[in-house]
Amino acid sequence: MKSSLLSILYAIILLSLISACSSAPKLRKLETSMLELNSQTIVSDDSSFIKTVQPYKLKMDSVMNDVLGSSDQPLLKGLPEGTLGDFVSDAVLKKTNDVYKPIDKIPVDICLLNNGGLRSQLPKGKIILGNVYELMPFENAIVILTISGEKMMQLFESLVGNNGAPFSGARVTAKGKKITTLLIGGKEIDLAKNYKVVTSDYLAGGGDKYSFFSSPLKVDTLNYKLRDAIVDYIKDETQKGNTIKVEIDGRIKYE
């Protein structure tokens, strides 16, 4: 069924007015149907709407087409390790430590994200702002959690048991699902030590079954989005005259 966007808006307004005048709910039946919205329908039926929106669309298109930098290859998701996950986690860890100014002056040790949060790949050649919005469409903010060494071990046991996830700042080797080597910042993990992990607010809250983030020793929030960290990292590399180059470096290995 075809319908104009204005008709939909009028229907919503009318329904709201009827509901406001009613003293009690009177919904008896709900019917649904498919609604096709396309450029031809909107232009023919709602030209005034298009005239209003078009200037904003053109401005948005201009912003989203802003070139941030260039990549030597397409960056793709992969398990247990992929070029996209390596790039994003490295970028977030680097930019977080650039802006993070803790009282204890101890930087973040690792970054841990999830493959599900990476919604698209990054292309070979020029990378525009729109590409990063497609990759990271959610308004996820950066959160820094301080956790115990034992929790850090649980984190990597879960990661190894689920065939990997995007992470940076560590190297892990496993035989089956058993960790044989775990290095944090190039040093063997110390179960008696506390560590800092940067992740998204979604994962910090236990999203995607990241239960090892429960009850952290400390939580630091930054007014900084994951998406912005990625954008800033690409811009930094471009200003240095660098293109984006990512190689699978074996940060997670199964024997």
Foldseek 3Di string as FASTA:
>chain_A
DEDEPVVVVVVVVVVVVVVVPDPDDDDDDDDDDDYDDDPVRHCVPPVVVCVVCVVVVVVVVVQQQAWLFFAQAKWDDDFQDTQVLQLLFVLLQVLCQVPDDDPVRDGAFKEFEFPVQQQDIAGGTTGGLNNLCNRHVDQWFKKKFKAALVLVVVQVLVQLQVGHGRMDQKAWEEARSHTDFIDTNNHGGDRHDIGMYMYTPCVCVCPPNNCSNPPTPDMDTDPGGSSNSSSVSSNVCVVVVHHDDGDPDRSYYYD
